[in-house]
Amino acid sequence: MRLAACLFFSFAVAHADAPQSRLSTGEALHRLLAGNAAFVAGGASCARQTPSRRTDVAAAQHPIAVVVGCADSRVSPEALFGQGLGDLFVVRVAGNVIDDDIVGSVEYAVSHFGVPLVIVLGHSRCGAVEAALSPAPPPGHLVGLIGRIRLAVAGVRGHSGDALDNAIRANVAASVQKLQTAPPTLDSAIRRGRLRIVGARYDLDSGAVELLPDVVDP
């Protein structure tokens, strides 16, 4: 069953390497969610990481999406979305926080490759967010990073439900908002209908990616 699911998904995306100007935001999102469904069902990635695939993308890349994710070793976007070499433009930093360098990296993918979709991907039991909920001062260079997360999650302190999960979702939402309103490239691309930026949460236990509640499926 796992092999069959992998072969089916590989066939479905076999011809999806065209430049991203040919993919809509909805098509890109559908492909990633289908890849995640295959990952959850099969328990293994269908990523195209063969020598022939390496040769195919060596001269040029046409990523289908940008993933701004946490640096956590368990949250590999290519694996959990069932993608291979050249499929995703990945920017990773602890706590999936946004600063000028992250914005610039996303801008590069949007302006140079015509990427139609950006996913900000948080995950369950995020250690960086957990550290931001602690009153203890962060050590070393974590001060700035944890400080950004603390600002992002301040509005959900004391809310009902799981405090850490509430904060993880709020942190993703804050990062999405920063990217959506970032001039001059990202906000302009959104207004012209050429770009969509969404938030999502990856569950470490189930392997499933959940779009945030305020995200409407295409």
Foldseek 3Di string as FASTA:
>chain_A
DLVVLLVVLCVVCVPVQDFQVPPAQQRLVVLQQSQLVSCLVNVWASEDADPVVCVVPVVHARAQEEEQEEPPPLCDSCINSRYYPRHYRYHYYQLSADDPVNLVSRLCCCVPRLHAEYEYEAEPPRPLLVVLPDPDQDDDPCNVVSVRLVVQQVVCPPPPDDSSVSSSLSSQVVRQVCNCPDDDRNVVCVVVSSYDYFYWYAYSPSSHIGTDPVDDRD
